[in-house]
């Protein structure tokens, strides 16, 4: 049986699906983009919107791009106190709603999904500056944009600031971008790879990489 030595070659992505994937955002990045989107959709006439997250669960099959979210949205309208109208406070819930995240045409993370909550409970505020449904009694953890360090995480499982290698097929290129025939591989989990014969998986050491 032939022995495959650990790879030390300079790898570049070929025209393969594994190389066309964009970096997957962390859950912190998803939360930041998700709450930003909700804030942009704050109803007209409401001065304040707060978002409390109960659970944000990444998909097991599309980790980093698809999330199941349970959250409460708290909207406060201060009304017009000179007319003895103190507005109202509305609370709505997203219960295990599904959202996806991707980069838009400007390179910014954007969340897609249904954002309109129709099960709002709205109660008139009792007096000036007093919410009929205090934020403190709403379940979940308050998420404030720009105040969560995890939102600065770049990618999933990327603690050493190195962009992730994607599971899938890779092609090898030599000097001058020349395709090295027979040197392709399929990367598997645990930084292991199969050769073109798919006979063995051994550790791989990448000393540099470049996405074309």
Protein backbone atom coordinates (compact mmCIF):
# COMPACT_ATOMS: atom_id res chain seq x y z
CA UNK A 1 0.00 0.00 0.00
CA UNK A 2 1.35 3.37 -0.95
CA UNK A 3 2.15 5.80 1.83
CA UNK A 4 1.05 9.42 1.63
CA UNK A 5 3.23 11.94 3.42
CA UNK A 6 1.84 15.04 5.09
CA UNK A 7 1.39 17.80 2.51
CA UNK A 8 3.60 20.90 2.65
CA UNK A 9 2.74 22.27 -0.81
CA UNK A 10 1.33 25.72 -1.48
CA UNK A 11 -2.35 25.16 -2.24
CA UNK A 12 -4.62 27.40 -4.25
CA UNK A 13 -8.32 26.88 -4.76
CA UNK A 14 -9.43 25.63 -8.13
CA UNK A 15 -12.83 26.18 -9.65
CA UNK A 16 -14.47 23.95 -7.08
CA UNK A 17 -17.46 24.43 -4.80
CA UNK A 18 -15.29 24.29 -1.69
CA UNK A 19 -13.42 27.40 -2.79
CA UNK A 20 -16.47 29.45 -3.68
CA UNK A 21 -17.92 29.48 -0.19
CA UNK A 22 -17.74 32.73 1.73
CA UNK A 23 -16.42 32.86 5.27
CA UNK A 24 -19.05 31.79 7.75
CA UNK A 25 -19.93 34.40 10.38
CA UNK A 26 -19.88 33.65 14.08
CA UNK A 27 -23.05 33.60 16.17
CA UNK A 28 -21.96 36.96 17.59
CA UNK A 29 -21.92 38.49 14.11
CA UNK A 30 -25.37 37.01 13.42
CA UNK A 31 -26.80 38.51 16.62
CA UNK A 32 -25.40 41.94 15.80
CA UNK A 33 -26.78 41.92 12.24
CA UNK A 34 -30.10 40.46 13.41
CA UNK A 35 -30.71 43.14 16.05
CA UNK A 36 -29.58 45.90 13.69
CA UNK A 37 -32.19 44.75 11.20
CA UNK A 38 -34.89 44.73 13.87
CA UNK A 39 -33.93 48.25 14.93
CA UNK A 40 -34.21 49.47 11.34
CA UNK A 41 -37.74 48.06 11.27
CA UNK A 42 -38.88 49.87 14.43
CA UNK A 43 -42.48 51.02 13.83
CA UNK A 44 -43.07 54.68 13.08
CA UNK A 45 -44.20 56.59 16.16
CA UNK A 46 -42.29 54.44 18.64
CA UNK A 47 -39.31 56.15 20.20
CA UNK A 48 -37.56 53.09 21.59
CA UNK A 49 -37.17 49.45 20.61
CA UNK A 50 -35.39 46.84 22.72
CA UNK A 51 -34.60 43.28 21.68
CA UNK A 52 -34.20 40.48 24.20
CA UNK A 53 -32.73 37.22 22.94
CA UNK A 54 -33.90 34.00 24.55
CA UNK A 55 -32.15 31.52 22.29
CA UNK A 56 -30.11 31.71 19.09
CA UNK A 57 -29.31 28.25 17.73
CA UNK A 58 -27.17 27.63 14.64
CA UNK A 59 -28.27 24.93 12.20
CA UNK A 60 -26.34 21.67 12.45
CA UNK A 61 -26.24 21.32 8.68
CA UNK A 62 -25.74 24.99 7.74
CA UNK A 63 -23.75 26.18 10.74
CA UNK A 64 -22.85 29.84 10.45
CA UNK A 65 -25.51 30.68 7.88
CA UNK A 66 -28.86 29.49 9.29
CA UNK A 67 -30.20 30.16 12.78
CA UNK A 68 -33.31 29.41 14.82
CA UNK A 69 -34.22 32.38 17.00
CA UNK A 70 -36.48 32.93 19.98
CA UNK A 71 -36.65 36.59 20.96
CA UNK A 72 -38.88 39.29 22.41
CA UNK A 73 -39.31 42.75 20.87
CA UNK A 74 -40.24 45.59 23.24
CA UNK A 75 -41.53 48.81 21.61
CA UNK A 76 -42.19 51.96 23.63
CA UNK A 77 -44.24 54.97 22.49
CA UNK A 78 -44.05 57.98 24.78
CA UNK A 79 -47.28 59.48 23.41
CA UNK A 80 -48.04 63.17 23.90
CA UNK A 81 -48.16 63.93 27.65
CA UNK A 82 -49.50 67.54 27.27
CA UNK A 83 -52.73 65.98 26.03
CA UNK A 84 -52.64 63.38 28.80
CA UNK A 85 -51.83 60.68 26.29
CA UNK A 86 -48.89 58.64 27.46
CA UNK A 87 -48.55 56.30 24.52
CA UNK A 88 -48.36 52.55 24.72
CA UNK A 89 -45.91 49.70 25.07
CA UNK A 90 -46.03 46.66 22.80
CA UNK A 91 -44.31 43.31 23.32
CA UNK A 92 -44.07 40.66 20.60
CA UNK A 93 -42.38 37.29 20.43
CA UNK A 94 -40.49 35.38 17.76
CA UNK A 95 -40.74 31.72 18.69
CA UNK A 96 -38.16 29.51 16.94
CA UNK A 97 -38.19 31.58 13.75
CA UNK A 98 -35.67 30.69 11.07
CA UNK A 99 -33.24 33.24 9.63
CA UNK A 100 -30.27 33.13 7.28
CA UNK A 101 -27.26 35.43 7.01
CA UNK A 102 -25.09 36.32 4.03
CA UNK A 103 -23.00 39.20 2.72
CA UNK A 104 -24.82 41.75 0.61
CA UNK A 105 -23.50 43.54 -2.51
CA UNK A 106 -21.55 45.93 -0.28
CA UNK A 107 -19.80 43.24 1.76
CA UNK A 108 -21.97 43.77 4.85
CA UNK A 109 -23.63 40.95 6.76
CA UNK A 110 -27.37 40.87 6.09
CA UNK A 111 -30.03 38.74 7.77
CA UNK A 112 -33.01 37.40 5.83
CA UNK A 113 -36.25 35.99 7.15
CA UNK A 114 -39.64 37.08 8.43
CA UNK A 115 -39.26 40.06 10.77
CA UNK A 116 -42.89 41.14 11.13
CA UNK A 117 -44.30 40.14 14.51
CA UNK A 118 -48.10 39.94 14.50
CA UNK A 119 -48.72 38.65 18.01
CA UNK A 120 -47.93 41.95 19.74
CA UNK A 121 -49.55 42.70 23.09
CA UNK A 122 -50.04 46.49 23.29
CA UNK A 123 -51.11 48.22 26.53
CA UNK A 124 -51.59 51.95 27.15
CA UNK A 125 -48.94 53.45 29.40
CA UNK A 126 -50.24 54.60 32.81
CA UNK A 127 -48.30 57.86 33.08
CA UNK A 128 -45.55 59.93 31.48
CA UNK A 129 -42.31 57.99 31.03
CA UNK A 130 -43.73 54.80 32.54
CA UNK A 131 -44.03 51.69 30.36
CA UNK A 132 -47.17 49.64 30.83
CA UNK A 133 -45.01 46.54 30.26
CA UNK A 134 -41.60 47.17 31.86
CA UNK A 135 -38.62 45.86 29.92
CA UNK A 136 -37.34 44.24 33.11
CA UNK A 137 -40.19 41.70 33.15
CA UNK A 138 -39.70 40.64 29.52
CA UNK A 139 -37.84 37.30 29.26
CA UNK A 140 -34.45 37.00 27.61
CA UNK A 141 -31.15 38.87 27.56
CA UNK A 142 -31.09 42.44 26.31
CA UNK A 143 -28.89 42.83 23.24
CA UNK A 144 -27.43 46.27 22.63
CA UNK A 145 -25.75 46.97 19.29
CA UNK A 146 -22.02 47.63 19.48
CA UNK A 147 -21.70 46.51 23.10
CA UNK A 148 -21.14 42.78 22.65
CA UNK A 149 -17.48 41.76 22.12
CA UNK A 150 -18.59 38.52 20.45
CA UNK A 151 -19.94 40.59 17.55
CA UNK A 152 -16.32 41.24 16.54
CA UNK A 153 -15.60 37.53 16.05
CA UNK A 154 -14.78 36.93 12.41
CA UNK A 155 -15.73 33.33 11.72
CA UNK A 156 -16.97 30.14 13.28
CA UNK A 157 -14.29 28.20 15.21
CA UNK A 158 -11.63 30.73 14.26
CA UNK A 159 -9.75 31.47 17.44
CA UNK A 160 -6.36 32.01 15.79
CA UNK A 161 -7.55 34.67 13.29
CA UNK A 162 -6.82 32.37 10.34
CA UNK A 163 -9.53 32.08 7.72
CA UNK A 164 -11.09 28.59 7.76
CA UNK A 165 -10.36 25.81 5.30
CA UNK A 166 -13.54 24.47 3.78
CA UNK A 167 -14.33 20.79 3.61
CA UNK A 168 -14.27 19.59 0.00
CA UNK A 169 -12.07 19.25 -3.08
CA UNK A 170 -8.90 21.23 -3.66
CA UNK A 171 -6.51 21.52 -6.61
CA UNK A 172 -2.76 22.14 -6.26
CA UNK A 173 -0.84 24.74 -8.25
CA UNK A 174 2.88 25.22 -8.67
CA UNK A 175 5.07 28.13 -9.70
CA UNK A 176 3.37 30.49 -12.12
CA UNK A 177 -0.06 29.12 -11.36
CA UNK A 178 0.62 25.85 -13.20
CA UNK A 179 -1.89 23.12 -12.30
CA UNK A 180 -0.07 20.16 -10.74
CA UNK A 181 -1.65 17.06 -12.30
CA UNK A 182 -2.47 14.29 -9.87
CA UNK A 183 -1.86 16.43 -6.79
CA UNK A 184 -5.47 17.25 -5.96
CA UNK A 185 -7.06 16.25 -2.71
CA UNK A 186 -10.30 16.15 -0.74
CA UNK A 187 -10.10 17.85 2.64
CA UNK A 188 -12.01 16.17 5.47
CA UNK A 189 -12.59 17.12 9.09
CA UNK A 190 -9.69 17.25 11.50
CA UNK A 191 -7.26 18.71 8.92
CA UNK A 192 -6.98 15.38 7.11
CA UNK A 193 -7.18 14.69 3.40
CA UNK A 194 -7.74 11.94 0.84
CA UNK A 195 -5.66 11.65 -2.31
CA UNK A 196 -7.27 11.20 -5.71
CA UNK A 197 -7.50 7.44 -5.13
CA UNK A 198 -9.41 8.07 -1.88
CA UNK A 199 -7.38 5.40 -0.10
CA UNK A 200 -6.02 7.15 2.97
CA UNK A 201 -6.53 10.22 5.10
CA UNK A 202 -3.49 11.79 6.77
CA UNK A 203 -2.74 15.05 8.59
CA UNK A 204 -2.26 18.06 6.35
CA UNK A 205 -0.03 21.05 7.01
CA UNK A 206 -0.85 24.16 5.01
CA UNK A 207 1.93 26.73 4.98
CA UNK A 208 0.06 29.18 2.75
CA UNK A 209 -3.12 29.36 0.72
CA UNK A 210 -4.66 31.66 -1.80
CA UNK A 211 -8.24 31.76 -3.05
CA UNK A 212 -8.47 32.58 -6.77
